[in-house]
């Protein structure tokens, strides 16, 4: 199948259209390898496009991580394009991007990756999620959800991912981003009266800020939920947050 997809790309098709054509051939009872002509001689070279040797999610994630660690934006983007053409959007967002960032974060923690490498990967992942959020359908359900990070929390990927997943389910999500002052949360709460507020924190020092923000918002009658890596690493913190832990 991989060689067939490469051949179709050599003929000018996008990878997503090539995959669609493959599926159409299978559904019609035809063997694509027999019914489709091969690539024109010289129409593409071995180095003209990027395609990983395997297309399982683990292999694609490893390829994306390697590209990010080498600051190879082209290969990283091509890997994502292939992944999104083969797997559902939610699957790639969670199992490739989110897990990939977790892995590179652990490499940084173990001093096996630099801050620059971690930031490069995070910026590519965030840029892709931004595009997917912008392309999500308009809200079709009445409930509003407010999502953001507490003061001094700059790691906002999990909030962006949750925004994408909820918007694709028709919910009206107001995403405030990183490092939101507590009083700004309070102002927005009064303005939109959301059904739920979700806070995310990844560090111990910002978990304290999350606790303060959750306490204030809960006092105003808001339903507050929260999550983040720090609470999985130090579960004892959960008992001190006056909100619903998302896991």
C-alpha atoms as a PDB file:
ATOM      1  CA  UNK A   1       0.000   0.000   0.000  1.00  0.00           C
ATOM      2  CA  UNK A   2       2.799   2.432   0.875  1.00  0.00           C
ATOM      3  CA  UNK A   3       4.458   2.120  -2.535  1.00  0.00           C
ATOM      4  CA  UNK A   4       1.057   2.591  -4.174  1.00  0.00           C
ATOM      5  CA  UNK A   5       0.449   5.798  -2.166  1.00  0.00           C
ATOM      6  CA  UNK A   6       3.897   7.080  -3.084  1.00  0.00           C
ATOM      7  CA  UNK A   7       3.147   6.412  -6.745  1.00  0.00           C
ATOM      8  CA  UNK A   8      -0.098   8.353  -6.559  1.00  0.00           C
ATOM      9  CA  UNK A   9       1.703  11.275  -4.939  1.00  0.00           C
ATOM     10  CA  UNK A  10       4.177  11.153  -7.791  1.00  0.00           C
ATOM     11  CA  UNK A  11       1.230  11.622 -10.150  1.00  0.00           C
ATOM     12  CA  UNK A  12       0.218  14.790  -8.319  1.00  0.00           C
ATOM     13  CA  UNK A  13      -2.398  13.539  -5.838  1.00  0.00           C
ATOM     14  CA  UNK A  14      -2.395  14.604  -2.201  1.00  0.00           C
ATOM     15  CA  UNK A  15      -1.818  11.810   0.305  1.00  0.00           C
ATOM     16  CA  UNK A  16      -5.380  12.192   1.644  1.00  0.00           C
ATOM     17  CA  UNK A  17      -6.866  11.870  -1.862  1.00  0.00           C
ATOM     18  CA  UNK A  18      -4.644   8.864  -2.567  1.00  0.00           C
ATOM     19  CA  UNK A  19      -5.861   7.128   0.605  1.00  0.00           C
ATOM     20  CA  UNK A  20      -9.465   7.906  -0.367  1.00  0.00           C
ATOM     21  CA  UNK A  21      -8.892   6.458  -3.834  1.00  0.00           C
ATOM     22  CA  UNK A  22      -7.372   3.291  -2.331  1.00  0.00           C
ATOM     23  CA  UNK A  23     -10.437   2.806  -0.128  1.00  0.00           C
ATOM     24  CA  UNK A  24     -12.795   3.388  -3.060  1.00  0.00           C
ATOM     25  CA  UNK A  25     -11.008   0.685  -5.046  1.00  0.00           C
ATOM     26  CA  UNK A  26     -11.213  -1.777  -2.144  1.00  0.00           C
ATOM     27  CA  UNK A  27     -14.930  -1.084  -1.579  1.00  0.00           C
ATOM     28  CA  UNK A  28     -15.642  -1.661  -5.266  1.00  0.00           C
ATOM     29  CA  UNK A  29     -13.986  -5.074  -5.076  1.00  0.00           C
ATOM     30  CA  UNK A  30     -10.938  -4.112  -7.113  1.00  0.00           C
ATOM     31  CA  UNK A  31      -7.307  -4.633  -6.270  1.00  0.00           C
ATOM     32  CA  UNK A  32      -5.656  -1.185  -6.447  1.00  0.00           C
ATOM     33  CA  UNK A  33      -2.283  -2.764  -7.121  1.00  0.00           C
ATOM     34  CA  UNK A  34      -3.663  -4.357 -10.311  1.00  0.00           C
ATOM     35  CA  UNK A  35      -6.097  -1.725 -11.559  1.00  0.00           C
ATOM     36  CA  UNK A  36      -4.032   1.406 -11.041  1.00  0.00           C
ATOM     37  CA  UNK A  37      -1.139   2.192 -13.353  1.00  0.00           C
ATOM     38  CA  UNK A  38       2.315   2.532 -11.911  1.00  0.00           C
ATOM     39  CA  UNK A  39       4.097   5.851 -11.655  1.00  0.00           C
ATOM     40  CA  UNK A  40       5.497   7.403 -14.752  1.00  0.00           C
ATOM     41  CA  UNK A  41       9.242   6.836 -15.121  1.00  0.00           C
ATOM     42  CA  UNK A  42      11.125   9.741 -13.640  1.00  0.00           C
ATOM     43  CA  UNK A  43       7.962  11.311 -12.224  1.00  0.00           C
ATOM     44  CA  UNK A  44       9.380  11.257  -8.719  1.00  0.00           C
ATOM     45  CA  UNK A  45      12.586  10.336  -6.995  1.00  0.00           C
ATOM     46  CA  UNK A  46      13.308   8.469  -3.802  1.00  0.00           C
ATOM     47  CA  UNK A  47      14.123  11.747  -2.050  1.00  0.00           C
ATOM     48  CA  UNK A  48      11.295  13.856  -3.470  1.00  0.00           C
ATOM     49  CA  UNK A  49       8.867  13.182  -0.614  1.00  0.00           C
ATOM     50  CA  UNK A  50       9.078  11.983   2.937  1.00  0.00           C
ATOM     51  CA  UNK A  51       7.376   8.751   3.991  1.00  0.00           C
ATOM     52  CA  UNK A  52       8.294   6.806   7.128  1.00  0.00           C
ATOM     53  CA  UNK A  53       9.135   3.118   6.811  1.00  0.00           C
ATOM     54  CA  UNK A  54       6.132   2.258   8.987  1.00  0.00           C
ATOM     55  CA  UNK A  55       2.781   3.941   9.375  1.00  0.00           C
ATOM     56  CA  UNK A  56       1.710   2.735  12.817  1.00  0.00           C
ATOM     57  CA  UNK A  57       1.109   5.526  15.298  1.00  0.00           C
ATOM     58  CA  UNK A  58       4.092   4.527  17.428  1.00  0.00           C
ATOM     59  CA  UNK A  59       6.367   4.680  14.394  1.00  0.00           C
ATOM     60  CA  UNK A  60       4.909   7.989  13.234  1.00  0.00           C
ATOM     61  CA  UNK A  61       5.270   9.473  16.703  1.00  0.00           C
ATOM     62  CA  UNK A  62       8.901   8.355  16.857  1.00  0.00           C
ATOM     63  CA  UNK A  63       9.525   9.869  13.431  1.00  0.00           C
ATOM     64  CA  UNK A  64       7.893  13.152  14.454  1.00  0.00           C
ATOM     65  CA  UNK A  65       9.930  13.275  17.657  1.00  0.00           C
ATOM     66  CA  UNK A  66      13.153  12.613  15.775  1.00  0.00           C
ATOM     67  CA  UNK A  67      12.344  15.409  13.337  1.00  0.00           C
ATOM     68  CA  UNK A  68      11.604  17.823  16.183  1.00  0.00           C
ATOM     69  CA  UNK A  69      14.806  16.926  18.011  1.00  0.00           C
ATOM     70  CA  UNK A  70      16.693  17.667  14.791  1.00  0.00           C
ATOM     71  CA  UNK A  71      14.761  20.927  14.202  1.00  0.00           C
ATOM     72  CA  UNK A  72      13.529  19.485  10.908  1.00  0.00           C
ATOM     73  CA  UNK A  73      10.223  21.279  10.443  1.00  0.00           C
ATOM     74  CA  UNK A  74       9.581  19.913   6.952  1.00  0.00           C
ATOM     75  CA  UNK A  75       9.833  16.279   8.009  1.00  0.00           C
ATOM     76  CA  UNK A  76       7.823  16.920  11.171  1.00  0.00           C
ATOM     77  CA  UNK A  77       5.002  18.522   9.174  1.00  0.00           C
ATOM     78  CA  UNK A  78       5.026  15.793   6.528  1.00  0.00           C
ATOM     79  CA  UNK A  79       4.808  13.163   9.254  1.00  0.00           C
ATOM     80  CA  UNK A  80       1.777  14.903  10.750  1.00  0.00           C
ATOM     81  CA  UNK A  81       0.146  15.222   7.335  1.00  0.00           C
ATOM     82  CA  UNK A  82       0.537  11.499   6.752  1.00  0.00           C
ATOM     83  CA  UNK A  83      -0.757  10.642  10.222  1.00  0.00           C
ATOM     84  CA  UNK A  84      -3.868  12.808   9.817  1.00  0.00           C
ATOM     85  CA  UNK A  85      -4.558  11.224   6.424  1.00  0.00           C
ATOM     86  CA  UNK A  86      -4.466   7.708   7.879  1.00  0.00           C
ATOM     87  CA  UNK A  87      -6.017   8.106  11.336  1.00  0.00           C
ATOM     88  CA  UNK A  88      -8.892  10.046  12.930  1.00  0.00           C
ATOM     89  CA  UNK A  89      -8.096  13.584  14.011  1.00  0.00           C
ATOM     90  CA  UNK A  90      -8.669  12.823  17.684  1.00  0.00           C
ATOM     91  CA  UNK A  91      -6.384   9.792  17.554  1.00  0.00           C
ATOM     92  CA  UNK A  92      -3.485  11.718  16.045  1.00  0.00           C
ATOM     93  CA  UNK A  93      -3.980  14.676  18.370  1.00  0.00           C
ATOM     94  CA  UNK A  94      -3.874  12.495  21.475  1.00  0.00           C
ATOM     95  CA  UNK A  95      -1.640   9.548  20.569  1.00  0.00           C
ATOM     96  CA  UNK A  96       0.899  11.377  18.428  1.00  0.00           C
ATOM     97  CA  UNK A  97       0.976  15.034  19.462  1.00  0.00           C
ATOM     98  CA  UNK A  98       0.060  14.845  23.144  1.00  0.00           C
ATOM     99  CA  UNK A  99       2.042  11.685  23.839  1.00  0.00           C
ATOM    100  CA  UNK A 100       4.908  12.984  21.741  1.00  0.00           C
ATOM    101  CA  UNK A 101       5.131  16.158  23.807  1.00  0.00           C
ATOM    102  CA  UNK A 102       5.006  14.093  26.989  1.00  0.00           C
ATOM    103  CA  UNK A 103       7.922  12.011  25.741  1.00  0.00           C
ATOM    104  CA  UNK A 104      10.015  15.010  24.772  1.00  0.00           C
ATOM    105  CA  UNK A 105       9.181  16.571  28.133  1.00  0.00           C
ATOM    106  CA  UNK A 106      10.581  13.501  29.846  1.00  0.00           C
ATOM    107  CA  UNK A 107      13.695  13.708  27.682  1.00  0.00           C
ATOM    108  CA  UNK A 108      14.136  17.298  28.842  1.00  0.00           C
ATOM    109  CA  UNK A 109      13.591  16.269  32.472  1.00  0.00           C
ATOM    110  CA  UNK A 110      16.275  13.598  32.076  1.00  0.00           C
ATOM    111  CA  UNK A 111      18.620  16.165  30.494  1.00  0.00           C
ATOM    112  CA  UNK A 112      18.521  14.296  27.179  1.00  0.00           C
ATOM    113  CA  UNK A 113      16.795  17.101  25.277  1.00  0.00           C
ATOM    114  CA  UNK A 114      17.329  20.844  25.393  1.00  0.00           C
ATOM    115  CA  UNK A 115      14.834  23.569  26.210  1.00  0.00           C
ATOM    116  CA  UNK A 116      15.098  24.680  22.584  1.00  0.00           C
ATOM    117  CA  UNK A 117      14.124  21.238  21.316  1.00  0.00           C
ATOM    118  CA  UNK A 118      11.169  21.038  23.694  1.00  0.00           C
ATOM    119  CA  UNK A 119       9.983  24.508  22.699  1.00  0.00           C
ATOM    120  CA  UNK A 120      10.383  23.740  18.998  1.00  0.00           C
ATOM    121  CA  UNK A 121       8.210  20.620  19.281  1.00  0.00           C
ATOM    122  CA  UNK A 122       5.646  22.437  21.412  1.00  0.00           C
ATOM    123  CA  UNK A 123       5.378  25.310  18.944  1.00  0.00           C
ATOM    124  CA  UNK A 124       4.804  22.939  16.009  1.00  0.00           C
ATOM    125  CA  UNK A 125       2.164  21.010  17.938  1.00  0.00           C
ATOM    126  CA  UNK A 126       0.414  24.178  19.099  1.00  0.00           C
ATOM    127  CA  UNK A 127       0.413  25.607  15.584  1.00  0.00           C
ATOM    128  CA  UNK A 128      -1.276  22.483  14.251  1.00  0.00           C
ATOM    129  CA  UNK A 129      -3.894  22.527  17.017  1.00  0.00           C
ATOM    130  CA  UNK A 130      -4.550  26.219  16.346  1.00  0.00           C
ATOM    131  CA  UNK A 131      -5.362  25.378  12.736  1.00  0.00           C
ATOM    132  CA  UNK A 132      -7.601  22.470  13.725  1.00  0.00           C
ATOM    133  CA  UNK A 133      -9.463  24.573  16.292  1.00  0.00           C
ATOM    134  CA  UNK A 134     -10.036  27.296  13.702  1.00  0.00           C
ATOM    135  CA  UNK A 135     -11.456  24.698  11.305  1.00  0.00           C
ATOM    136  CA  UNK A 136     -13.785  23.124  13.890  1.00  0.00           C
ATOM    137  CA  UNK A 137     -17.534  23.441  13.222  1.00  0.00           C
ATOM    138  CA  UNK A 138     -19.564  26.186  14.848  1.00  0.00           C
ATOM    139  CA  UNK A 139     -21.088  25.321  18.245  1.00  0.00           C
ATOM    140  CA  UNK A 140     -24.382  23.491  18.029  1.00  0.00           C
ATOM    141  CA  UNK A 141     -25.075  22.963  21.713  1.00  0.00           C
ATOM    142  CA  UNK A 142     -26.119  25.576  24.281  1.00  0.00           C
ATOM    143  CA  UNK A 143     -23.512  24.934  26.966  1.00  0.00           C
ATOM    144  CA  UNK A 144     -20.386  27.097  27.255  1.00  0.00           C
ATOM    145  CA  UNK A 145     -17.103  25.906  28.734  1.00  0.00           C
ATOM    146  CA  UNK A 146     -14.312  28.221  29.853  1.00  0.00           C
ATOM    147  CA  UNK A 147     -10.762  26.838  29.598  1.00  0.00           C
ATOM    148  CA  UNK A 148      -7.469  28.406  30.603  1.00  0.00           C
ATOM    149  CA  UNK A 149      -4.250  28.186  32.587  1.00  0.00           C
ATOM    150  CA  UNK A 150      -3.750  29.853  35.989  1.00  0.00           C
ATOM    151  CA  UNK A 151      -1.203  32.637  36.544  1.00  0.00           C
ATOM    152  CA  UNK A 152       2.382  31.833  35.484  1.00  0.00           C
ATOM    153  CA  UNK A 153       1.399  28.582  33.757  1.00  0.00           C
ATOM    154  CA  UNK A 154       2.696  28.774  30.191  1.00  0.00           C
ATOM    155  CA  UNK A 155       2.271  25.123  29.184  1.00  0.00           C
ATOM    156  CA  UNK A 156      -1.085  25.347  27.463  1.00  0.00           C
ATOM    157  CA  UNK A 157      -1.143  22.372  25.081  1.00  0.00           C
ATOM    158  CA  UNK A 158      -3.538  20.291  27.193  1.00  0.00           C
ATOM    159  CA  UNK A 159      -5.994  23.191  27.310  1.00  0.00           C
ATOM    160  CA  UNK A 160      -5.773  23.595  23.551  1.00  0.00           C
ATOM    161  CA  UNK A 161      -6.303  19.871  23.025  1.00  0.00           C
ATOM    162  CA  UNK A 162      -9.373  19.849  25.256  1.00  0.00           C
ATOM    163  CA  UNK A 163     -10.696  22.890  23.405  1.00  0.00           C
ATOM    164  CA  UNK A 164     -10.338  21.077  20.087  1.00  0.00           C
ATOM    165  CA  UNK A 165     -12.009  17.875  21.295  1.00  0.00           C
ATOM    166  CA  UNK A 166     -14.960  19.703  22.856  1.00  0.00           C
ATOM    167  CA  UNK A 167     -15.483  22.030  19.897  1.00  0.00           C
ATOM    168  CA  UNK A 168     -15.613  19.049  17.569  1.00  0.00           C
ATOM    169  CA  UNK A 169     -18.489  17.808  19.705  1.00  0.00           C
ATOM    170  CA  UNK A 170     -20.451  20.986  19.189  1.00  0.00           C
ATOM    171  CA  UNK A 171     -19.730  22.716  22.490  1.00  0.00           C
ATOM    172  CA  UNK A 172     -19.091  26.432  22.774  1.00  0.00           C
ATOM    173  CA  UNK A 173     -15.591  26.645  24.250  1.00  0.00           C
ATOM    174  CA  UNK A 174     -14.019  29.931  25.302  1.00  0.00           C
ATOM    175  CA  UNK A 175     -10.290  29.316  25.426  1.00  0.00           C
ATOM    176  CA  UNK A 176      -8.304  31.952  27.328  1.00  0.00           C
ATOM    177  CA  UNK A 177      -4.841  30.449  26.860  1.00  0.00           C
ATOM    178  CA  UNK A 178      -1.817  30.529  29.132  1.00  0.00           C
ATOM    179  CA  UNK A 179      -1.000  32.643  32.198  1.00  0.00           C
ATOM    180  CA  UNK A 180      -4.476  34.036  32.879  1.00  0.00           C
ATOM    181  CA  UNK A 181      -4.638  36.290  35.978  1.00  0.00           C
ATOM    182  CA  UNK A 182      -7.192  35.159  38.524  1.00  0.00           C
ATOM    183  CA  UNK A 183      -9.171  38.403  38.332  1.00  0.00           C
ATOM    184  CA  UNK A 184      -9.470  37.960  34.548  1.00  0.00           C
ATOM    185  CA  UNK A 185     -11.013  34.544  35.101  1.00  0.00           C
ATOM    186  CA  UNK A 186     -13.435  36.196  37.501  1.00  0.00           C
ATOM    187  CA  UNK A 187     -14.382  38.894  34.973  1.00  0.00           C
ATOM    188  CA  UNK A 188     -14.959  36.355  32.208  1.00  0.00           C
ATOM    189  CA  UNK A 189     -16.999  34.169  34.529  1.00  0.00           C
ATOM    190  CA  UNK A 190     -19.352  37.075  35.217  1.00  0.00           C
ATOM    191  CA  UNK A 191     -19.583  37.950  31.526  1.00  0.00           C
ATOM    192  CA  UNK A 192     -20.413  34.561  30.012  1.00  0.00           C
ATOM    193  CA  UNK A 193     -21.729  32.435  32.904  1.00  0.00           C
ATOM    194  CA  UNK A 194     -20.172  29.176  31.635  1.00  0.00           C
ATOM    195  CA  UNK A 195     -21.543  25.774  32.544  1.00  0.00           C
ATOM    196  CA  UNK A 196     -18.026  24.633  33.428  1.00  0.00           C
ATOM    197  CA  UNK A 197     -14.579  26.127  34.012  1.00  0.00           C
ATOM    198  CA  UNK A 198     -11.542  23.941  33.294  1.00  0.00           C
ATOM    199  CA  UNK A 199      -8.085  24.849  34.619  1.00  0.00           C
ATOM    200  CA  UNK A 200      -4.843  23.123  33.644  1.00  0.00           C
ATOM    201  CA  UNK A 201      -1.483  23.174  35.397  1.00  0.00           C
ATOM    202  CA  UNK A 202       1.729  21.258  34.789  1.00  0.00           C
ATOM    203  CA  UNK A 203       4.043  22.539  37.545  1.00  0.00           C
ATOM    204  CA  UNK A 204       4.033  22.517  41.337  1.00  0.00           C
ATOM    205  CA  UNK A 205       4.260  26.292  41.689  1.00  0.00           C
ATOM    206  CA  UNK A 206       1.379  26.869  39.293  1.00  0.00           C
ATOM    207  CA  UNK A 207      -0.701  24.179  40.999  1.00  0.00           C
ATOM    208  CA  UNK A 208      -0.821  26.564  43.960  1.00  0.00           C
ATOM    209  CA  UNK A 209      -2.101  29.303  41.648  1.00  0.00           C
ATOM    210  CA  UNK A 210      -4.668  26.892  40.250  1.00  0.00           C
ATOM    211  CA  UNK A 211      -5.839  26.139  43.790  1.00  0.00           C
ATOM    212  CA  UNK A 212      -6.341  29.845  44.486  1.00  0.00           C
ATOM    213  CA  UNK A 213      -8.178  30.397  41.203  1.00  0.00           C
ATOM    214  CA  UNK A 214     -10.415  27.365  41.731  1.00  0.00           C
ATOM    215  CA  UNK A 215     -11.248  28.524  45.252  1.00  0.00           C
ATOM    216  CA  UNK A 216     -12.255  31.987  44.048  1.00  0.00           C
ATOM    217  CA  UNK A 217     -14.332  30.739  41.121  1.00  0.00           C
ATOM    218  CA  UNK A 218     -16.058  28.107  43.242  1.00  0.00           C
ATOM    219  CA  UNK A 219     -16.970  30.815  45.746  1.00  0.00           C
ATOM    220  CA  UNK A 220     -18.755  32.603  42.894  1.00  0.00           C
ATOM    221  CA  UNK A 221     -20.835  29.498  42.214  1.00  0.00           C
ATOM    222  CA  UNK A 222     -18.883  28.177  39.231  1.00  0.00           C
ATOM    223  CA  UNK A 223     -18.468  24.481  38.545  1.00  0.00           C
ATOM    224  CA  UNK A 224     -14.714  24.021  38.252  1.00  0.00           C
ATOM    225  CA  UNK A 225     -12.693  21.085  36.942  1.00  0.00           C
ATOM    226  CA  UNK A 226      -8.944  20.752  36.520  1.00  0.00           C
ATOM    227  CA  UNK A 227      -6.118  18.522  35.411  1.00  0.00           C
ATOM    228  CA  UNK A 228      -2.457  18.424  34.504  1.00  0.00           C
ATOM    229  CA  UNK A 229       0.688  16.352  34.755  1.00  0.00           C
ATOM    230  CA  UNK A 230       1.657  17.633  38.201  1.00  0.00           C
ATOM    231  CA  UNK A 231      -1.447  16.061  39.766  1.00  0.00           C
ATOM    232  CA  UNK A 232      -0.591  12.667  38.293  1.00  0.00           C
ATOM    233  CA  UNK A 233       2.968  12.998  39.582  1.00  0.00           C
ATOM    234  CA  UNK A 234       1.891  14.194  43.038  1.00  0.00           C
ATOM    235  CA  UNK A 235      -1.649  12.883  43.633  1.00  0.00           C
ATOM    236  CA  UNK A 236      -1.627  14.183  47.194  1.00  0.00           C
ATOM    237  CA  UNK A 237      -2.306  17.641  45.766  1.00  0.00           C
ATOM    238  CA  UNK A 238      -5.752  16.602  44.564  1.00  0.00           C
ATOM    239  CA  UNK A 239      -7.264  16.717  48.045  1.00  0.00           C
ATOM    240  CA  UNK A 240      -6.376  20.416  48.322  1.00  0.00           C
ATOM    241  CA  UNK A 241      -8.117  21.591  45.141  1.00  0.00           C
ATOM    242  CA  UNK A 242     -11.811  22.541  45.588  1.00  0.00           C
ATOM    243  CA  UNK A 243     -12.802  21.302  42.138  1.00  0.00           C
ATOM    244  CA  UNK A 244     -13.428  18.159  40.092  1.00  0.00           C
ATOM    245  CA  UNK A 245     -10.246  16.326  39.094  1.00  0.00           C
ATOM    246  CA  UNK A 246     -10.365  15.182  35.463  1.00  0.00           C
ATOM    247  CA  UNK A 247      -7.566  12.640  35.746  1.00  0.00           C
END
